[in-house]
């Protein structure tokens, strides 16, 4: 648990607050007020989540997507770009892009950002 303003916040509460703050049309200051924290603290938690150091928590059912590998390399390392296609949107990334960055991009595309 982390301390904020004399209170302890569980990773679950922080994850829920961050998840809620990342919804379309959500405002950090409004979400922070609902959770009783300063917007600055919620922004810090959001930064931790983007860095992969805080898991988002939701009551929603998990969405699964199918993944299609084209010409996979036996070693497991990609020699070419990574291509993400969601609906009509396709994004090509360098092979050395981190999994966290790929997840951020997929989430942004799904939200229509």
C-alpha atoms as a PDB file:
ATOM      1  CA  UNK A   1       0.000   0.000   0.000  1.00  0.00           C
ATOM      2  CA  UNK A   2       1.107   3.548  -0.651  1.00  0.00           C
ATOM      3  CA  UNK A   3       0.580   6.532   1.607  1.00  0.00           C
ATOM      4  CA  UNK A   4      -1.119   9.662   0.260  1.00  0.00           C
ATOM      5  CA  UNK A   5      -2.023  12.555   2.540  1.00  0.00           C
ATOM      6  CA  UNK A   6      -1.858  10.349   5.601  1.00  0.00           C
ATOM      7  CA  UNK A   7      -3.990   7.589   4.042  1.00  0.00           C
ATOM      8  CA  UNK A   8      -2.994   4.224   2.643  1.00  0.00           C
ATOM      9  CA  UNK A   9      -4.150   3.304  -0.858  1.00  0.00           C
ATOM     10  CA  UNK A  10      -4.176  -0.290  -2.032  1.00  0.00           C
ATOM     11  CA  UNK A  11      -2.936  -1.193  -5.486  1.00  0.00           C
ATOM     12  CA  UNK A  12      -6.531  -2.185  -6.326  1.00  0.00           C
ATOM     13  CA  UNK A  13      -7.944   1.246  -5.452  1.00  0.00           C
ATOM     14  CA  UNK A  14      -5.158   2.993  -7.354  1.00  0.00           C
ATOM     15  CA  UNK A  15      -5.729   0.705 -10.360  1.00  0.00           C
ATOM     16  CA  UNK A  16      -9.476   1.403 -10.325  1.00  0.00           C
ATOM     17  CA  UNK A  17      -8.952   5.156 -10.094  1.00  0.00           C
ATOM     18  CA  UNK A  18      -6.447   5.130 -12.945  1.00  0.00           C
ATOM     19  CA  UNK A  19      -8.698   2.944 -15.119  1.00  0.00           C
ATOM     20  CA  UNK A  20     -11.632   5.275 -14.507  1.00  0.00           C
ATOM     21  CA  UNK A  21      -9.509   8.361 -15.237  1.00  0.00           C
ATOM     22  CA  UNK A  22      -8.472   6.953 -18.627  1.00  0.00           C
ATOM     23  CA  UNK A  23     -12.017   6.523 -19.916  1.00  0.00           C
ATOM     24  CA  UNK A  24     -13.079   8.836 -22.744  1.00  0.00           C
ATOM     25  CA  UNK A  25     -14.343  12.189 -21.474  1.00  0.00           C
ATOM     26  CA  UNK A  26     -13.087  11.478 -17.919  1.00  0.00           C
ATOM     27  CA  UNK A  27     -11.349  14.345 -16.159  1.00  0.00           C
ATOM     28  CA  UNK A  28      -8.502  13.598 -13.771  1.00  0.00           C
ATOM     29  CA  UNK A  29      -9.700  16.231 -11.288  1.00  0.00           C
ATOM     30  CA  UNK A  30     -13.231  14.724 -11.163  1.00  0.00           C
ATOM     31  CA  UNK A  31     -11.973  11.160 -10.678  1.00  0.00           C
ATOM     32  CA  UNK A  32      -9.465  12.295  -8.048  1.00  0.00           C
ATOM     33  CA  UNK A  33     -12.230  14.058  -6.124  1.00  0.00           C
ATOM     34  CA  UNK A  34     -14.380  10.876  -6.135  1.00  0.00           C
ATOM     35  CA  UNK A  35     -11.475   8.873  -4.694  1.00  0.00           C
ATOM     36  CA  UNK A  36     -10.493  11.556  -2.190  1.00  0.00           C
ATOM     37  CA  UNK A  37      -7.021  12.219  -3.614  1.00  0.00           C
ATOM     38  CA  UNK A  38      -5.392  15.208  -5.207  1.00  0.00           C
ATOM     39  CA  UNK A  39      -5.299  15.292  -9.008  1.00  0.00           C
ATOM     40  CA  UNK A  40      -1.509  15.409  -8.763  1.00  0.00           C
ATOM     41  CA  UNK A  41      -1.498  12.048  -6.921  1.00  0.00           C
ATOM     42  CA  UNK A  42      -3.772  10.444  -9.519  1.00  0.00           C
ATOM     43  CA  UNK A  43      -1.494  11.767 -12.258  1.00  0.00           C
ATOM     44  CA  UNK A  44       1.449  10.052 -10.532  1.00  0.00           C
ATOM     45  CA  UNK A  45      -0.514   6.782 -10.430  1.00  0.00           C
ATOM     46  CA  UNK A  46      -1.339   7.164 -14.141  1.00  0.00           C
ATOM     47  CA  UNK A  47       2.375   7.592 -14.870  1.00  0.00           C
ATOM     48  CA  UNK A  48       3.133   4.403 -12.916  1.00  0.00           C
ATOM     49  CA  UNK A  49       0.469   2.527 -14.909  1.00  0.00           C
ATOM     50  CA  UNK A  50       1.909   3.727 -18.220  1.00  0.00           C
ATOM     51  CA  UNK A  51       5.338   2.540 -17.064  1.00  0.00           C
ATOM     52  CA  UNK A  52       3.878  -0.892 -16.287  1.00  0.00           C
ATOM     53  CA  UNK A  53       4.356  -0.522 -12.532  1.00  0.00           C
ATOM     54  CA  UNK A  54       0.645  -0.344 -11.642  1.00  0.00           C
ATOM     55  CA  UNK A  55      -2.050  -2.654 -12.991  1.00  0.00           C
ATOM     56  CA  UNK A  56      -5.407  -1.239 -14.033  1.00  0.00           C
ATOM     57  CA  UNK A  57      -8.426  -2.736 -12.277  1.00  0.00           C
ATOM     58  CA  UNK A  58     -11.914  -2.993 -13.710  1.00  0.00           C
ATOM     59  CA  UNK A  59     -15.105  -4.927 -13.051  1.00  0.00           C
ATOM     60  CA  UNK A  60     -15.737  -5.165 -16.803  1.00  0.00           C
ATOM     61  CA  UNK A  61     -15.300  -8.511 -18.510  1.00  0.00           C
ATOM     62  CA  UNK A  62     -11.988  -8.866 -20.286  1.00  0.00           C
ATOM     63  CA  UNK A  63     -12.001  -8.366 -24.035  1.00  0.00           C
ATOM     64  CA  UNK A  64     -10.037 -10.823 -26.109  1.00  0.00           C
ATOM     65  CA  UNK A  65      -8.794 -10.269 -29.611  1.00  0.00           C
ATOM     66  CA  UNK A  66      -7.520 -12.771 -32.092  1.00  0.00           C
ATOM     67  CA  UNK A  67      -3.903 -12.492 -33.107  1.00  0.00           C
ATOM     68  CA  UNK A  68      -2.732 -13.635 -36.484  1.00  0.00           C
ATOM     69  CA  UNK A  69       0.966 -14.213 -37.016  1.00  0.00           C
ATOM     70  CA  UNK A  70       2.202 -13.857 -40.535  1.00  0.00           C
ATOM     71  CA  UNK A  71       5.574 -15.397 -41.275  1.00  0.00           C
ATOM     72  CA  UNK A  72       6.660 -15.885 -37.638  1.00  0.00           C
ATOM     73  CA  UNK A  73      10.362 -16.265 -36.993  1.00  0.00           C
ATOM     74  CA  UNK A  74      11.372 -19.506 -35.231  1.00  0.00           C
ATOM     75  CA  UNK A  75      13.624 -17.688 -32.777  1.00  0.00           C
ATOM     76  CA  UNK A  76      10.701 -15.632 -31.483  1.00  0.00           C
ATOM     77  CA  UNK A  77      12.447 -12.410 -32.443  1.00  0.00           C
ATOM     78  CA  UNK A  78      10.905 -10.226 -35.096  1.00  0.00           C
ATOM     79  CA  UNK A  79      13.177  -9.026 -37.857  1.00  0.00           C
ATOM     80  CA  UNK A  80      10.630  -6.693 -39.385  1.00  0.00           C
ATOM     81  CA  UNK A  81       8.143  -4.124 -38.195  1.00  0.00           C
ATOM     82  CA  UNK A  82       5.209  -4.898 -35.909  1.00  0.00           C
ATOM     83  CA  UNK A  83       1.873  -4.206 -37.561  1.00  0.00           C
ATOM     84  CA  UNK A  84      -1.284  -3.626 -35.513  1.00  0.00           C
ATOM     85  CA  UNK A  85      -4.620  -3.620 -37.341  1.00  0.00           C
ATOM     86  CA  UNK A  86      -7.842  -2.792 -35.519  1.00  0.00           C
ATOM     87  CA  UNK A  87     -10.795  -2.269 -37.796  1.00  0.00           C
ATOM     88  CA  UNK A  88      -9.752   0.190 -40.501  1.00  0.00           C
ATOM     89  CA  UNK A  89      -6.723   1.439 -38.556  1.00  0.00           C
ATOM     90  CA  UNK A  90      -3.265  -0.046 -39.157  1.00  0.00           C
ATOM     91  CA  UNK A  91      -0.113   1.013 -37.355  1.00  0.00           C
ATOM     92  CA  UNK A  92       3.433  -0.120 -38.158  1.00  0.00           C
ATOM     93  CA  UNK A  93       6.069  -0.022 -35.453  1.00  0.00           C
ATOM     94  CA  UNK A  94       9.745  -0.861 -35.325  1.00  0.00           C
ATOM     95  CA  UNK A  95      10.543  -4.402 -34.172  1.00  0.00           C
ATOM     96  CA  UNK A  96      12.188  -3.144 -30.962  1.00  0.00           C
ATOM     97  CA  UNK A  97       9.039  -1.434 -29.594  1.00  0.00           C
ATOM     98  CA  UNK A  98       8.262  -2.540 -26.028  1.00  0.00           C
ATOM     99  CA  UNK A  99       5.166  -4.559 -25.206  1.00  0.00           C
ATOM    100  CA  UNK A 100       4.006  -1.751 -22.885  1.00  0.00           C
ATOM    101  CA  UNK A 101       4.136   0.778 -25.736  1.00  0.00           C
ATOM    102  CA  UNK A 102       2.257  -1.607 -28.040  1.00  0.00           C
ATOM    103  CA  UNK A 103      -0.449  -2.031 -25.378  1.00  0.00           C
ATOM    104  CA  UNK A 104      -0.733   1.765 -24.997  1.00  0.00           C
ATOM    105  CA  UNK A 105      -1.164   2.182 -28.750  1.00  0.00           C
ATOM    106  CA  UNK A 106      -3.788  -0.569 -28.977  1.00  0.00           C
ATOM    107  CA  UNK A 107      -5.723   0.992 -26.089  1.00  0.00           C
ATOM    108  CA  UNK A 108      -5.592   4.422 -27.722  1.00  0.00           C
ATOM    109  CA  UNK A 109      -6.818   3.053 -31.047  1.00  0.00           C
ATOM    110  CA  UNK A 110      -9.672   1.178 -29.359  1.00  0.00           C
ATOM    111  CA  UNK A 111     -10.744   4.358 -27.570  1.00  0.00           C
ATOM    112  CA  UNK A 112     -10.647   6.320 -30.789  1.00  0.00           C
ATOM    113  CA  UNK A 113      -7.895   8.656 -29.611  1.00  0.00           C
END
